[in-house]
Amino acid sequence: MTFKKGDMVKIKCEAQPGPFDEAAVTIGFEPGVVLSGFVKQSSVEKRGDEAFVIGKIVRIDGGIIEVQLPGSFFTSARGVASLPRAWAESNVVHV
């Protein structure tokens, strides 16, 4: 799959109901490496048993794709997920 800066994408995640109009989202993209936080329910798409959070590609650097995510995350003050390209190939799709 071809990714480029500015693309809107959906990232496979685990999503649970959260407080108010938010969903608790966890993205596990490598063994032992996760990104967890809260996003608005409208930023999460459910498809059967799968969930996806919508984001925007802000940078591509070799084997890393950086995606800006809406919401508040515990392990990323900027709300940017640095995803390994190999993982993204099978867990990220274009909007």
N, C-alpha and C. Protein backbone atom coordinates (compact mmCIF):
# COMPACT_ATOMS: atom_id res chain seq x y z
N MET A 1 0.84 -1.17 0.00
CA MET A 1 0.00 0.00 0.00
C MET A 1 0.89 1.24 0.00
N THR A 2 0.48 2.25 -0.73
CA THR A 2 1.24 3.49 -0.81
C THR A 2 0.68 4.50 0.18
N PHE A 3 1.56 5.05 1.00
CA PHE A 3 1.18 6.08 1.95
C PHE A 3 1.93 7.36 1.59
N LYS A 4 1.25 8.51 1.79
CA LYS A 4 1.94 9.78 1.59
C LYS A 4 1.43 10.81 2.60
N LYS A 5 2.26 11.81 2.85
CA LYS A 5 1.92 12.87 3.79
C LYS A 5 0.59 13.50 3.39
N GLY A 6 -0.27 13.70 4.38
CA GLY A 6 -1.58 14.31 4.14
C GLY A 6 -2.70 13.30 3.98
N ASP A 7 -2.37 12.02 3.74
CA ASP A 7 -3.41 11.00 3.61
C ASP A 7 -4.20 10.85 4.90
N MET A 8 -5.51 10.72 4.78
CA MET A 8 -6.37 10.38 5.92
C MET A 8 -6.47 8.86 5.95
N VAL A 9 -6.23 8.28 7.12
CA VAL A 9 -6.19 6.83 7.24
C VAL A 9 -6.98 6.35 8.46
N LYS A 10 -7.28 5.07 8.45
CA LYS A 10 -7.92 4.40 9.58
C LYS A 10 -6.92 3.38 10.11
N ILE A 11 -6.67 3.43 11.44
CA ILE A 11 -5.71 2.53 12.08
C ILE A 11 -6.47 1.53 12.94
N LYS A 12 -6.17 0.25 12.74
CA LYS A 12 -6.82 -0.79 13.53
C LYS A 12 -6.48 -0.59 15.01
N CYS A 13 -7.49 -0.69 15.87
CA CYS A 13 -7.27 -0.46 17.30
C CYS A 13 -8.29 -1.27 18.10
N GLU A 14 -8.16 -1.20 19.40
CA GLU A 14 -9.18 -1.70 20.31
C GLU A 14 -9.87 -0.47 20.87
N ALA A 15 -11.20 -0.46 20.87
CA ALA A 15 -11.95 0.70 21.36
C ALA A 15 -13.03 0.24 22.32
N GLN A 16 -13.12 0.92 23.45
CA GLN A 16 -14.13 0.65 24.47
C GLN A 16 -14.83 1.97 24.81
N PRO A 17 -16.09 1.90 25.24
CA PRO A 17 -16.75 3.14 25.65
C PRO A 17 -15.95 3.82 26.76
N GLY A 18 -15.88 5.14 26.68
CA GLY A 18 -15.17 5.92 27.68
C GLY A 18 -16.10 6.94 28.30
N PRO A 19 -15.54 7.88 29.05
CA PRO A 19 -16.36 8.90 29.69
C PRO A 19 -16.95 9.87 28.67
N PHE A 20 -18.13 10.39 28.95
CA PHE A 20 -18.76 11.41 28.13
C PHE A 20 -18.92 10.92 26.69
N ASP A 21 -18.50 11.70 25.71
CA ASP A 21 -18.63 11.33 24.30
C ASP A 21 -17.30 10.81 23.76
N GLU A 22 -16.58 10.07 24.59
CA GLU A 22 -15.26 9.60 24.19
C GLU A 22 -15.20 8.08 24.21
N ALA A 23 -14.23 7.56 23.46
CA ALA A 23 -13.94 6.13 23.48
C ALA A 23 -12.50 5.95 23.95
N ALA A 24 -12.28 4.92 24.74
CA ALA A 24 -10.92 4.57 25.15
C ALA A 24 -10.32 3.74 24.03
N VAL A 25 -9.17 4.19 23.51
CA VAL A 25 -8.56 3.54 22.35
C VAL A 25 -7.17 3.05 22.71
N THR A 26 -6.85 1.83 22.27
CA THR A 26 -5.51 1.28 22.42
C THR A 26 -5.04 0.77 21.07
N ILE A 27 -3.84 1.19 20.67
CA ILE A 27 -3.23 0.72 19.43
C ILE A 27 -1.96 -0.02 19.83
N GLY A 28 -1.91 -1.32 19.59
CA GLY A 28 -0.71 -2.12 19.88
C GLY A 28 -0.01 -2.45 18.59
N PHE A 29 1.10 -1.75 18.29
CA PHE A 29 1.71 -1.94 16.99
C PHE A 29 3.00 -2.71 16.99
N GLU A 30 3.51 -3.07 18.14
CA GLU A 30 4.67 -3.96 18.25
C GLU A 30 4.53 -4.67 19.59
N PRO A 31 5.10 -5.83 19.76
CA PRO A 31 5.03 -6.48 21.07
C PRO A 31 5.55 -5.55 22.15
N GLY A 32 4.71 -5.27 23.13
CA GLY A 32 5.11 -4.42 24.25
C GLY A 32 5.05 -2.93 23.98
N VAL A 33 4.64 -2.51 22.78
CA VAL A 33 4.55 -1.09 22.45
C VAL A 33 3.10 -0.75 22.13
N VAL A 34 2.50 0.11 22.94
CA VAL A 34 1.11 0.50 22.72
C VAL A 34 0.96 2.01 22.84
N LEU A 35 -0.09 2.52 22.22
CA LEU A 35 -0.49 3.91 22.34
C LEU A 35 -1.91 3.89 22.86
N SER A 36 -2.15 4.50 24.02
CA SER A 36 -3.47 4.47 24.64
C SER A 36 -3.95 5.87 24.93
N GLY A 37 -5.26 6.08 24.82
CA GLY A 37 -5.82 7.38 25.14
C GLY A 37 -7.31 7.43 24.86
N PHE A 38 -7.80 8.66 24.72
CA PHE A 38 -9.23 8.88 24.49
C PHE A 38 -9.44 9.72 23.24
N VAL A 39 -10.41 9.34 22.44
CA VAL A 39 -10.81 10.10 21.26
C VAL A 39 -12.33 10.21 21.24
N LYS A 40 -12.86 11.17 20.49
CA LYS A 40 -14.31 11.29 20.35
C LYS A 40 -14.85 10.04 19.64
N GLN A 41 -16.04 9.64 20.04
CA GLN A 41 -16.67 8.46 19.42
C GLN A 41 -16.73 8.61 17.91
N SER A 42 -16.91 9.85 17.42
CA SER A 42 -17.02 10.07 15.98
C SER A 42 -15.72 9.79 15.23
N SER A 43 -14.60 9.68 15.95
CA SER A 43 -13.31 9.38 15.32
C SER A 43 -13.01 7.89 15.30
N VAL A 44 -13.94 7.09 15.81
CA VAL A 44 -13.77 5.64 15.84
C VAL A 44 -14.81 5.01 14.92
N GLU A 45 -14.36 4.13 14.05
CA GLU A 45 -15.26 3.41 13.16
C GLU A 45 -15.26 1.95 13.58
N LYS A 46 -16.45 1.41 13.81
CA LYS A 46 -16.58 -0.01 14.15
C LYS A 46 -17.06 -0.75 12.92
N ARG A 47 -16.43 -1.91 12.68
CA ARG A 47 -16.82 -2.75 11.55
C ARG A 47 -16.79 -4.18 12.05
N GLY A 48 -17.94 -4.70 12.42
CA GLY A 48 -18.01 -6.03 13.01
C GLY A 48 -17.27 -6.04 14.33
N ASP A 49 -16.33 -6.96 14.49
CA ASP A 49 -15.53 -7.04 15.72
C ASP A 49 -14.31 -6.13 15.69
N GLU A 50 -14.08 -5.44 14.58
CA GLU A 50 -12.90 -4.59 14.45
C GLU A 50 -13.25 -3.13 14.69
N ALA A 51 -12.25 -2.37 15.17
CA ALA A 51 -12.41 -0.93 15.36
C ALA A 51 -11.22 -0.22 14.73
N PHE A 52 -11.45 0.99 14.25
CA PHE A 52 -10.42 1.79 13.62
C PHE A 52 -10.53 3.23 14.12
N VAL A 53 -9.39 3.88 14.35
CA VAL A 53 -9.37 5.29 14.69
C VAL A 53 -8.84 6.04 13.47
N ILE A 54 -9.46 7.18 13.18
CA ILE A 54 -9.11 7.96 12.01
C ILE A 54 -8.00 8.95 12.35
N GLY A 55 -7.00 9.04 11.47
CA GLY A 55 -5.88 9.97 11.67
C GLY A 55 -5.37 10.49 10.34
N LYS A 56 -4.36 11.36 10.42
CA LYS A 56 -3.78 11.97 9.22
C LYS A 56 -2.27 11.75 9.23
N ILE A 57 -1.74 11.26 8.12
CA ILE A 57 -0.29 11.06 8.02
C ILE A 57 0.40 12.42 7.96
N VAL A 58 1.33 12.64 8.90
CA VAL A 58 2.04 13.92 8.96
C VAL A 58 3.50 13.80 8.55
N ARG A 59 4.03 12.59 8.52
CA ARG A 59 5.44 12.42 8.16
C ARG A 59 5.71 10.96 7.82
N ILE A 60 6.57 10.75 6.85
CA ILE A 60 7.05 9.42 6.51
C ILE A 60 8.57 9.50 6.49
N ASP A 61 9.19 8.64 7.28
CA ASP A 61 10.65 8.66 7.39
C ASP A 61 11.15 7.22 7.32
N GLY A 62 11.53 6.78 6.13
CA GLY A 62 12.01 5.42 5.95
C GLY A 62 10.95 4.40 6.34
N GLY A 63 11.24 3.63 7.39
CA GLY A 63 10.34 2.57 7.83
C GLY A 63 9.31 3.00 8.85
N ILE A 64 9.17 4.32 9.08
CA ILE A 64 8.21 4.83 10.08
C ILE A 64 7.20 5.75 9.42
N ILE A 65 5.93 5.54 9.75
CA ILE A 65 4.85 6.41 9.29
C ILE A 65 4.27 7.09 10.52
N GLU A 66 4.31 8.43 10.56
CA GLU A 66 3.78 9.17 11.70
C GLU A 66 2.38 9.66 11.37
N VAL A 67 1.43 9.33 12.28
CA VAL A 67 0.04 9.67 12.07
C VAL A 67 -0.45 10.53 13.24
N GLN A 68 -1.01 11.71 12.92
CA GLN A 68 -1.61 12.58 13.93
C GLN A 68 -3.00 12.04 14.25
N LEU A 69 -3.24 11.80 15.53
CA LEU A 69 -4.53 11.27 15.97
C LEU A 69 -5.28 12.33 16.76
N PRO A 70 -6.60 12.35 16.64
CA PRO A 70 -7.38 13.29 17.43
C PRO A 70 -7.46 12.78 18.87
N GLY A 71 -7.61 13.64 19.82
CA GLY A 71 -7.82 13.19 21.20
C GLY A 71 -6.63 13.40 22.09
N SER A 72 -6.63 12.66 23.18
CA SER A 72 -5.62 12.79 24.24
C SER A 72 -5.02 11.41 24.50
N PHE A 73 -3.69 11.32 24.40
CA PHE A 73 -3.02 10.04 24.56
C PHE A 73 -2.04 10.08 25.72
N PHE A 74 -1.92 8.95 26.43
CA PHE A 74 -1.07 8.87 27.62
C PHE A 74 0.42 8.80 27.28
N THR A 75 0.76 8.19 26.15
CA THR A 75 2.16 7.96 25.84
C THR A 75 2.67 8.83 24.71
N SER A 76 1.87 9.82 24.27
CA SER A 76 2.29 10.73 23.21
C SER A 76 1.66 12.09 23.44
N ALA A 77 2.45 13.03 23.93
CA ALA A 77 1.93 14.37 24.24
C ALA A 77 1.41 15.06 22.98
N ARG A 78 2.01 14.76 21.83
CA ARG A 78 1.59 15.40 20.58
C ARG A 78 0.44 14.66 19.89
N GLY A 79 0.08 13.48 20.39
CA GLY A 79 -0.97 12.69 19.74
C GLY A 79 -0.53 12.12 18.41
N VAL A 80 0.77 11.86 18.30
CA VAL A 80 1.32 11.30 17.06
C VAL A 80 1.75 9.86 17.30
N ALA A 81 1.26 8.97 16.46
CA ALA A 81 1.67 7.57 16.52
C ALA A 81 2.75 7.34 15.48
N SER A 82 3.89 6.80 15.91
CA SER A 82 4.98 6.44 15.00
C SER A 82 4.86 4.95 14.70
N LEU A 83 4.29 4.64 13.56
CA LEU A 83 3.96 3.26 13.21
C LEU A 83 5.01 2.66 12.29
N PRO A 84 5.50 1.46 12.61
CA PRO A 84 6.40 0.77 11.69
C PRO A 84 5.67 0.49 10.37
N ARG A 85 6.32 0.79 9.26
CA ARG A 85 5.69 0.60 7.95
C ARG A 85 5.20 -0.84 7.76
N ALA A 86 5.99 -1.83 8.19
CA ALA A 86 5.59 -3.23 8.03
C ALA A 86 4.27 -3.50 8.75
N TRP A 87 4.08 -2.93 9.96
CA TRP A 87 2.83 -3.10 10.70
C TRP A 87 1.71 -2.36 9.99
N ALA A 88 1.99 -1.15 9.52
CA ALA A 88 0.98 -0.33 8.86
C ALA A 88 0.45 -0.98 7.59
N GLU A 89 1.29 -1.71 6.90
CA GLU A 89 0.87 -2.36 5.65
C GLU A 89 -0.36 -3.24 5.84
N SER A 90 -0.51 -3.86 7.01
CA SER A 90 -1.66 -4.76 7.22
C SER A 90 -2.66 -4.24 8.25
N ASN A 91 -2.41 -3.06 8.84
CA ASN A 91 -3.30 -2.55 9.89
C ASN A 91 -3.79 -1.13 9.67
N VAL A 92 -3.39 -0.51 8.58
CA VAL A 92 -3.80 0.86 8.25
C VAL A 92 -4.39 0.87 6.85
N VAL A 93 -5.56 1.51 6.70
CA VAL A 93 -6.20 1.63 5.40
C VAL A 93 -6.56 3.08 5.14
N HIS A 94 -6.67 3.45 3.89
CA HIS A 94 -7.06 4.81 3.54
C HIS A 94 -8.55 5.01 3.83
N VAL A 95 -8.91 6.25 4.19
CA VAL A 95 -10.31 6.59 4.46
C VAL A 95 -11.06 6.64 3.16
